[in-house]
Amino acid sequence: MKYFEDYEVGESFEHGAYEVSAEEIMAFARKYDPQPFHLDLEAAAASVFGGLTASGFHTVAIQGALMHSSPEAGAAVIAGLGWDEVRFSNPARVGDTLSVRFTCLETRPSASKPDRGIVRNKVEVLNQDGQVVVSSVHNLLMGRRPAD
């Protein structure tokens, strides 16, 4: 298990390979974000995107799946404290293979509770060309390593 003390500012790693399909884009959009450029091939081709793209909400859901299948999933997270600086830099397109990159930005021991600390990670979803699709800064309340 990875504890608060195990995070080093500047450390980074990538994980995962998630292929985006047209069927999944349209199914997600029908249920959660029914915009024409997520639902209809012709409307998508005529849009600013020039083709079918995944909803930003869908891309964030894929980010969650990648995060929870990564080695970070076994970390001593007590609670998520929120996301900052959410950016949708490039659309996720049909056939893209997405991965996630974690970079530790900051660690701060709790001033009031010695058994925990706060870790800030930049989390980026990348396509197969290394382009950032979505990025955000995650603030996590982490458990500290128990004394033996």
N, C-alpha and C. Protein backbone atom coordinates (compact mmCIF):
# COMPACT_ATOMS: atom_id res chain seq x y z
N MET A 1 0.85 -1.18 0.00
CA MET A 1 0.00 0.00 0.00
C MET A 1 0.89 1.24 0.00
N LYS A 2 0.45 2.25 -0.73
CA LYS A 2 1.18 3.50 -0.82
C LYS A 2 0.57 4.50 0.16
N TYR A 3 1.41 5.02 1.05
CA TYR A 3 0.98 5.97 2.07
C TYR A 3 1.45 7.38 1.72
N PHE A 4 1.00 8.35 2.52
CA PHE A 4 1.37 9.75 2.34
C PHE A 4 2.88 9.90 2.17
N GLU A 5 3.66 9.25 3.03
CA GLU A 5 5.13 9.39 3.01
C GLU A 5 5.76 8.86 1.73
N ASP A 6 5.05 8.04 0.99
CA ASP A 6 5.60 7.41 -0.22
C ASP A 6 5.53 8.32 -1.45
N TYR A 7 4.85 9.43 -1.35
CA TYR A 7 4.73 10.36 -2.49
C TYR A 7 5.89 11.33 -2.48
N GLU A 8 6.50 11.52 -3.65
CA GLU A 8 7.59 12.47 -3.81
C GLU A 8 7.20 13.49 -4.86
N VAL A 9 7.34 14.77 -4.51
CA VAL A 9 7.02 15.83 -5.46
C VAL A 9 7.85 15.64 -6.72
N GLY A 10 7.18 15.69 -7.86
CA GLY A 10 7.84 15.53 -9.15
C GLY A 10 7.78 14.12 -9.72
N GLU A 11 7.49 13.13 -8.87
CA GLU A 11 7.40 11.76 -9.39
C GLU A 11 6.21 11.66 -10.32
N SER A 12 6.34 10.82 -11.35
CA SER A 12 5.31 10.69 -12.37
C SER A 12 5.29 9.26 -12.89
N PHE A 13 4.11 8.78 -13.22
CA PHE A 13 4.01 7.49 -13.91
C PHE A 13 2.75 7.47 -14.75
N GLU A 14 2.78 6.61 -15.78
CA GLU A 14 1.62 6.43 -16.67
C GLU A 14 1.06 5.03 -16.50
N HIS A 15 -0.22 4.90 -16.82
CA HIS A 15 -0.89 3.61 -16.68
C HIS A 15 -2.03 3.50 -17.69
N GLY A 16 -2.24 2.30 -18.17
CA GLY A 16 -3.46 1.96 -18.87
C GLY A 16 -3.44 2.09 -20.37
N ALA A 17 -4.45 1.50 -20.97
CA ALA A 17 -4.70 1.57 -22.41
C ALA A 17 -6.19 1.27 -22.59
N TYR A 18 -6.97 2.30 -22.86
CA TYR A 18 -8.41 2.19 -22.98
C TYR A 18 -8.82 2.67 -24.36
N GLU A 19 -9.35 1.77 -25.18
CA GLU A 19 -9.74 2.14 -26.54
C GLU A 19 -11.19 2.64 -26.57
N VAL A 20 -11.38 3.79 -27.18
CA VAL A 20 -12.69 4.44 -27.26
C VAL A 20 -13.39 3.98 -28.54
N SER A 21 -14.64 3.53 -28.39
CA SER A 21 -15.40 3.07 -29.57
C SER A 21 -16.57 4.00 -29.85
N ALA A 22 -17.01 3.99 -31.11
CA ALA A 22 -18.17 4.80 -31.51
C ALA A 22 -19.42 4.36 -30.74
N GLU A 23 -19.60 3.08 -30.58
CA GLU A 23 -20.78 2.56 -29.89
C GLU A 23 -20.83 3.07 -28.45
N GLU A 24 -19.66 3.06 -27.78
CA GLU A 24 -19.61 3.51 -26.39
C GLU A 24 -19.86 5.02 -26.30
N ILE A 25 -19.28 5.78 -27.22
CA ILE A 25 -19.48 7.24 -27.24
C ILE A 25 -20.98 7.55 -27.35
N MET A 26 -21.65 6.89 -28.30
CA MET A 26 -23.06 7.17 -28.53
C MET A 26 -23.94 6.68 -27.38
N ALA A 27 -23.62 5.52 -26.81
CA ALA A 27 -24.41 5.00 -25.69
C ALA A 27 -24.30 5.92 -24.48
N PHE A 28 -23.09 6.38 -24.17
CA PHE A 28 -22.90 7.29 -23.05
C PHE A 28 -23.67 8.60 -23.30
N ALA A 29 -23.53 9.12 -24.51
CA ALA A 29 -24.18 10.39 -24.85
C ALA A 29 -25.70 10.29 -24.77
N ARG A 30 -26.26 9.18 -25.25
CA ARG A 30 -27.72 9.01 -25.19
C ARG A 30 -28.21 9.14 -23.75
N LYS A 31 -27.43 8.60 -22.82
CA LYS A 31 -27.85 8.58 -21.42
C LYS A 31 -27.50 9.86 -20.67
N TYR A 32 -26.33 10.45 -20.94
CA TYR A 32 -25.83 11.53 -20.08
C TYR A 32 -25.53 12.86 -20.76
N ASP A 33 -25.31 12.90 -22.06
CA ASP A 33 -24.92 14.15 -22.72
C ASP A 33 -25.35 14.12 -24.18
N PRO A 34 -26.67 14.22 -24.43
CA PRO A 34 -27.20 14.01 -25.78
C PRO A 34 -27.00 15.18 -26.74
N GLN A 35 -25.74 15.47 -27.02
CA GLN A 35 -25.40 16.50 -28.01
C GLN A 35 -25.25 15.82 -29.38
N PRO A 36 -25.66 16.50 -30.46
CA PRO A 36 -25.60 15.88 -31.79
C PRO A 36 -24.21 15.38 -32.19
N PHE A 37 -23.16 16.10 -31.79
CA PHE A 37 -21.80 15.69 -32.19
C PHE A 37 -21.29 14.50 -31.38
N HIS A 38 -22.07 14.04 -30.38
CA HIS A 38 -21.75 12.80 -29.65
C HIS A 38 -22.66 11.65 -30.09
N LEU A 39 -23.71 11.98 -30.84
CA LEU A 39 -24.75 10.98 -31.15
C LEU A 39 -24.88 10.61 -32.61
N ASP A 40 -24.57 11.54 -33.49
CA ASP A 40 -24.90 11.37 -34.90
C ASP A 40 -23.66 11.60 -35.76
N LEU A 41 -23.31 10.63 -36.59
CA LEU A 41 -22.09 10.72 -37.39
C LEU A 41 -22.11 11.91 -38.34
N GLU A 42 -23.25 12.17 -38.98
CA GLU A 42 -23.33 13.29 -39.92
C GLU A 42 -23.23 14.63 -39.19
N ALA A 43 -23.96 14.76 -38.08
CA ALA A 43 -23.90 16.00 -37.29
C ALA A 43 -22.49 16.20 -36.74
N ALA A 44 -21.86 15.14 -36.34
CA ALA A 44 -20.49 15.23 -35.81
C ALA A 44 -19.51 15.67 -36.89
N ALA A 45 -19.68 15.14 -38.10
CA ALA A 45 -18.80 15.51 -39.21
C ALA A 45 -18.95 17.00 -39.55
N ALA A 46 -20.15 17.55 -39.39
CA ALA A 46 -20.39 18.96 -39.70
C ALA A 46 -20.06 19.89 -38.53
N SER A 47 -19.70 19.33 -37.38
CA SER A 47 -19.43 20.15 -36.19
C SER A 47 -18.00 20.69 -36.20
N VAL A 48 -17.67 21.50 -35.22
CA VAL A 48 -16.31 22.04 -35.09
C VAL A 48 -15.29 20.92 -34.88
N PHE A 49 -15.76 19.75 -34.44
CA PHE A 49 -14.86 18.63 -34.18
C PHE A 49 -14.53 17.83 -35.44
N GLY A 50 -15.38 17.93 -36.45
CA GLY A 50 -15.15 17.23 -37.70
C GLY A 50 -15.31 15.72 -37.61
N GLY A 51 -15.94 15.25 -36.58
CA GLY A 51 -16.16 13.81 -36.41
C GLY A 51 -16.68 13.52 -35.01
N LEU A 52 -17.08 12.29 -34.80
CA LEU A 52 -17.65 11.86 -33.53
C LEU A 52 -16.61 11.98 -32.42
N THR A 53 -17.01 12.59 -31.30
CA THR A 53 -16.12 12.75 -30.15
C THR A 53 -16.85 12.34 -28.89
N ALA A 54 -16.07 11.89 -27.91
CA ALA A 54 -16.65 11.53 -26.61
C ALA A 54 -16.99 12.79 -25.83
N SER A 55 -18.05 12.73 -25.08
CA SER A 55 -18.42 13.79 -24.16
C SER A 55 -17.29 14.01 -23.16
N GLY A 56 -17.13 15.23 -22.70
CA GLY A 56 -16.16 15.49 -21.63
C GLY A 56 -16.48 14.66 -20.39
N PHE A 57 -17.78 14.51 -20.09
CA PHE A 57 -18.19 13.69 -18.95
C PHE A 57 -17.75 12.24 -19.16
N HIS A 58 -17.87 11.76 -20.37
CA HIS A 58 -17.46 10.40 -20.71
C HIS A 58 -15.95 10.25 -20.52
N THR A 59 -15.20 11.23 -20.99
CA THR A 59 -13.75 11.18 -20.86
C THR A 59 -13.34 11.15 -19.39
N VAL A 60 -14.02 11.94 -18.56
CA VAL A 60 -13.73 11.92 -17.12
C VAL A 60 -14.09 10.55 -16.53
N ALA A 61 -15.16 9.92 -17.00
CA ALA A 61 -15.52 8.58 -16.53
C ALA A 61 -14.44 7.57 -16.91
N ILE A 62 -13.89 7.68 -18.11
CA ILE A 62 -12.78 6.82 -18.53
C ILE A 62 -11.57 7.07 -17.64
N GLN A 63 -11.31 8.34 -17.34
CA GLN A 63 -10.22 8.68 -16.42
C GLN A 63 -10.40 7.94 -15.10
N GLY A 64 -11.63 7.94 -14.58
CA GLY A 64 -11.90 7.22 -13.33
C GLY A 64 -11.61 5.74 -13.44
N ALA A 65 -12.02 5.13 -14.55
CA ALA A 65 -11.75 3.70 -14.75
C ALA A 65 -10.25 3.43 -14.80
N LEU A 66 -9.51 4.28 -15.50
CA LEU A 66 -8.06 4.11 -15.58
C LEU A 66 -7.40 4.32 -14.22
N MET A 67 -7.86 5.31 -13.47
CA MET A 67 -7.29 5.57 -12.15
C MET A 67 -7.52 4.38 -11.21
N HIS A 68 -8.73 3.82 -11.25
CA HIS A 68 -9.06 2.76 -10.32
C HIS A 68 -8.50 1.40 -10.71
N SER A 69 -7.91 1.31 -11.90
CA SER A 69 -7.22 0.07 -12.29
C SER A 69 -5.71 0.23 -12.19
N SER A 70 -5.25 1.38 -11.72
CA SER A 70 -3.81 1.66 -11.66
C SER A 70 -3.23 1.23 -10.32
N PRO A 71 -1.90 1.20 -10.22
CA PRO A 71 -1.27 0.92 -8.93
C PRO A 71 -1.67 1.92 -7.85
N GLU A 72 -2.07 3.13 -8.23
CA GLU A 72 -2.50 4.14 -7.26
C GLU A 72 -3.81 3.73 -6.57
N ALA A 73 -4.55 2.80 -7.15
CA ALA A 73 -5.83 2.40 -6.58
C ALA A 73 -5.66 1.76 -5.20
N GLY A 74 -4.49 1.23 -4.91
CA GLY A 74 -4.23 0.61 -3.62
C GLY A 74 -3.67 1.57 -2.59
N ALA A 75 -3.70 2.86 -2.87
CA ALA A 75 -3.14 3.86 -1.96
C ALA A 75 -4.06 4.07 -0.76
N ALA A 76 -3.49 4.64 0.29
CA ALA A 76 -4.21 4.86 1.55
C ALA A 76 -5.03 6.15 1.49
N VAL A 77 -5.90 6.26 0.50
CA VAL A 77 -6.74 7.45 0.36
C VAL A 77 -7.87 7.37 1.39
N ILE A 78 -7.97 8.43 2.19
CA ILE A 78 -9.07 8.53 3.15
C ILE A 78 -10.28 9.17 2.47
N ALA A 79 -10.02 10.23 1.70
CA ALA A 79 -11.10 10.91 1.00
C ALA A 79 -10.53 11.79 -0.10
N GLY A 80 -11.32 11.98 -1.15
CA GLY A 80 -11.01 12.99 -2.15
C GLY A 80 -11.50 14.33 -1.64
N LEU A 81 -10.67 15.37 -1.77
CA LEU A 81 -11.02 16.69 -1.27
C LEU A 81 -11.48 17.63 -2.38
N GLY A 82 -11.38 17.18 -3.62
CA GLY A 82 -11.84 18.00 -4.74
C GLY A 82 -10.83 18.04 -5.87
N TRP A 83 -11.32 18.51 -7.01
CA TRP A 83 -10.50 18.66 -8.21
C TRP A 83 -10.40 20.13 -8.54
N ASP A 84 -9.22 20.53 -8.98
CA ASP A 84 -8.99 21.90 -9.43
C ASP A 84 -8.51 21.87 -10.87
N GLU A 85 -8.64 23.00 -11.54
CA GLU A 85 -8.03 23.21 -12.85
C GLU A 85 -8.41 22.15 -13.89
N VAL A 86 -9.69 21.79 -13.93
CA VAL A 86 -10.15 20.80 -14.91
C VAL A 86 -10.12 21.44 -16.30
N ARG A 87 -9.45 20.77 -17.24
CA ARG A 87 -9.31 21.29 -18.60
C ARG A 87 -9.59 20.19 -19.61
N PHE A 88 -10.33 20.52 -20.65
CA PHE A 88 -10.58 19.62 -21.77
C PHE A 88 -9.76 20.16 -22.94
N SER A 89 -8.58 19.64 -23.14
CA SER A 89 -7.62 20.19 -24.11
C SER A 89 -7.84 19.69 -25.53
N ASN A 90 -8.20 18.43 -25.67
CA ASN A 90 -8.42 17.82 -26.99
C ASN A 90 -9.56 16.82 -26.86
N PRO A 91 -10.34 16.63 -27.92
CA PRO A 91 -11.42 15.65 -27.83
C PRO A 91 -10.89 14.22 -27.88
N ALA A 92 -11.60 13.32 -27.21
CA ALA A 92 -11.34 11.89 -27.37
C ALA A 92 -12.17 11.43 -28.56
N ARG A 93 -11.51 10.78 -29.50
CA ARG A 93 -12.16 10.38 -30.75
C ARG A 93 -12.27 8.86 -30.87
N VAL A 94 -13.12 8.43 -31.79
CA VAL A 94 -13.28 7.01 -32.07
C VAL A 94 -11.91 6.41 -32.42
N GLY A 95 -11.58 5.32 -31.76
CA GLY A 95 -10.32 4.62 -32.02
C GLY A 95 -9.16 5.10 -31.18
N ASP A 96 -9.31 6.20 -30.46
CA ASP A 96 -8.23 6.66 -29.58
C ASP A 96 -7.98 5.62 -28.49
N THR A 97 -6.73 5.48 -28.11
CA THR A 97 -6.35 4.66 -26.97
C THR A 97 -5.84 5.61 -25.90
N LEU A 98 -6.56 5.64 -24.78
CA LEU A 98 -6.27 6.59 -23.72
C LEU A 98 -5.52 5.93 -22.57
N SER A 99 -4.62 6.71 -21.98
CA SER A 99 -3.91 6.30 -20.78
C SER A 99 -3.97 7.46 -19.79
N VAL A 100 -3.51 7.22 -18.58
CA VAL A 100 -3.54 8.26 -17.55
C VAL A 100 -2.13 8.45 -17.01
N ARG A 101 -1.77 9.72 -16.76
CA ARG A 101 -0.47 10.04 -16.17
C ARG A 101 -0.71 10.80 -14.87
N PHE A 102 -0.05 10.32 -13.81
CA PHE A 102 -0.11 10.96 -12.49
C PHE A 102 1.22 11.67 -12.25
N THR A 103 1.19 12.90 -11.77
CA THR A 103 2.40 13.62 -11.37
C THR A 103 2.13 14.26 -10.01
N CYS A 104 2.96 13.95 -9.02
CA CYS A 104 2.81 14.51 -7.68
C CYS A 104 3.28 15.96 -7.69
N LEU A 105 2.40 16.87 -7.29
CA LEU A 105 2.71 18.30 -7.27
C LEU A 105 3.10 18.79 -5.88
N GLU A 106 2.47 18.22 -4.86
CA GLU A 106 2.68 18.74 -3.50
C GLU A 106 2.28 17.70 -2.47
N THR A 107 2.99 17.67 -1.37
CA THR A 107 2.60 16.89 -0.20
C THR A 107 2.64 17.82 1.01
N ARG A 108 1.65 17.68 1.88
CA ARG A 108 1.58 18.55 3.05
C ARG A 108 1.01 17.75 4.22
N PRO A 109 1.80 17.56 5.28
CA PRO A 109 1.25 16.87 6.46
C PRO A 109 0.12 17.69 7.07
N SER A 110 -0.84 17.02 7.64
CA SER A 110 -1.94 17.71 8.32
C SER A 110 -1.40 18.41 9.55
N ALA A 111 -1.83 19.65 9.75
CA ALA A 111 -1.42 20.41 10.94
C ALA A 111 -2.20 19.98 12.18
N SER A 112 -3.38 19.41 11.99
CA SER A 112 -4.23 19.08 13.13
C SER A 112 -4.36 17.58 13.41
N LYS A 113 -4.07 16.75 12.41
CA LYS A 113 -4.23 15.30 12.59
C LYS A 113 -2.95 14.61 12.11
N PRO A 114 -2.12 14.15 13.03
CA PRO A 114 -0.81 13.60 12.66
C PRO A 114 -0.87 12.28 11.88
N ASP A 115 -2.04 11.65 11.79
CA ASP A 115 -2.14 10.37 11.09
C ASP A 115 -2.46 10.53 9.61
N ARG A 116 -2.43 11.79 9.09
CA ARG A 116 -2.79 11.99 7.68
C ARG A 116 -2.07 13.20 7.09
N GLY A 117 -2.20 13.30 5.76
CA GLY A 117 -1.63 14.42 5.04
C GLY A 117 -2.39 14.62 3.74
N ILE A 118 -2.05 15.69 3.04
CA ILE A 118 -2.72 16.01 1.77
C ILE A 118 -1.71 15.87 0.63
N VAL A 119 -2.13 15.17 -0.42
CA VAL A 119 -1.33 15.00 -1.63
C VAL A 119 -2.09 15.63 -2.78
N ARG A 120 -1.39 16.46 -3.56
CA ARG A 120 -1.97 17.06 -4.78
C ARG A 120 -1.28 16.43 -5.97
N ASN A 121 -2.08 15.78 -6.81
CA ASN A 121 -1.58 15.14 -8.03
C ASN A 121 -2.19 15.79 -9.26
N LYS A 122 -1.36 16.03 -10.27
CA LYS A 122 -1.90 16.38 -11.58
C LYS A 122 -2.22 15.06 -12.27
N VAL A 123 -3.42 14.95 -12.79
CA VAL A 123 -3.86 13.74 -13.48
C VAL A 123 -4.21 14.14 -14.91
N GLU A 124 -3.55 13.50 -15.87
CA GLU A 124 -3.77 13.81 -17.28
C GLU A 124 -4.18 12.55 -18.03
N VAL A 125 -5.21 12.66 -18.85
CA VAL A 125 -5.58 11.59 -19.76
C VAL A 125 -4.92 11.93 -21.09
N LEU A 126 -4.18 10.97 -21.62
CA LEU A 126 -3.43 11.15 -22.87
C LEU A 126 -3.98 10.24 -23.94
N ASN A 127 -3.96 10.71 -25.20
CA ASN A 127 -4.29 9.81 -26.29
C ASN A 127 -3.02 9.10 -26.78
N GLN A 128 -3.15 8.26 -27.77
CA GLN A 128 -2.03 7.45 -28.27
C GLN A 128 -0.90 8.30 -28.86
N ASP A 129 -1.17 9.56 -29.16
CA ASP A 129 -0.15 10.47 -29.70
C ASP A 129 0.51 11.31 -28.61
N GLY A 130 0.14 11.04 -27.35
CA GLY A 130 0.70 11.78 -26.24
C GLY A 130 0.04 13.13 -26.00
N GLN A 131 -1.05 13.42 -26.73
CA GLN A 131 -1.78 14.68 -26.52
C GLN A 131 -2.65 14.57 -25.27
N VAL A 132 -2.68 15.63 -24.48
CA VAL A 132 -3.53 15.66 -23.31
C VAL A 132 -4.97 15.87 -23.76
N VAL A 133 -5.85 14.99 -23.31
CA VAL A 133 -7.28 15.07 -23.62
C VAL A 133 -8.01 15.81 -22.50
N VAL A 134 -7.75 15.41 -21.28
CA VAL A 134 -8.32 16.08 -20.11
C VAL A 134 -7.27 16.09 -19.02
N SER A 135 -7.24 17.15 -18.23
CA SER A 135 -6.32 17.22 -17.10
C SER A 135 -7.02 17.88 -15.92
N SER A 136 -6.54 17.56 -14.73
CA SER A 136 -7.08 18.16 -13.52
C SER A 136 -6.08 17.93 -12.39
N VAL A 137 -6.25 18.69 -11.33
CA VAL A 137 -5.42 18.53 -10.13
C VAL A 137 -6.32 17.93 -9.06
N HIS A 138 -5.90 16.78 -8.53
CA HIS A 138 -6.69 16.07 -7.53
C HIS A 138 -6.07 16.29 -6.15
N ASN A 139 -6.91 16.64 -5.20
CA ASN A 139 -6.49 16.86 -3.82
C ASN A 139 -6.98 15.68 -2.99
N LEU A 140 -6.04 14.95 -2.40
CA LEU A 140 -6.38 13.72 -1.70
C LEU A 140 -5.96 13.80 -0.23
N LEU A 141 -6.85 13.39 0.64
CA LEU A 141 -6.53 13.21 2.05
C LEU A 141 -5.99 11.79 2.18
N MET A 142 -4.73 11.66 2.60
CA MET A 142 -4.04 10.37 2.61
C MET A 142 -3.70 9.95 4.05
N GLY A 143 -3.76 8.64 4.30
CA GLY A 143 -3.30 8.11 5.56
C GLY A 143 -1.79 8.05 5.59
N ARG A 144 -1.23 8.27 6.78
CA ARG A 144 0.22 8.14 6.95
C ARG A 144 0.53 6.70 7.34
N ARG A 145 1.78 6.32 7.13
CA ARG A 145 2.21 4.96 7.43
C ARG A 145 2.04 4.70 8.93
N PRO A 146 1.35 3.61 9.29
CA PRO A 146 1.16 3.31 10.72
C PRO A 146 2.51 2.99 11.39
N ALA A 147 2.63 3.38 12.64
CA ALA A 147 3.84 3.04 13.41
C ALA A 147 3.79 1.56 13.76
N ASP A 148 4.92 0.90 13.61
CA ASP A 148 4.96 -0.55 13.93
C ASP A 148 5.31 -0.79 15.38
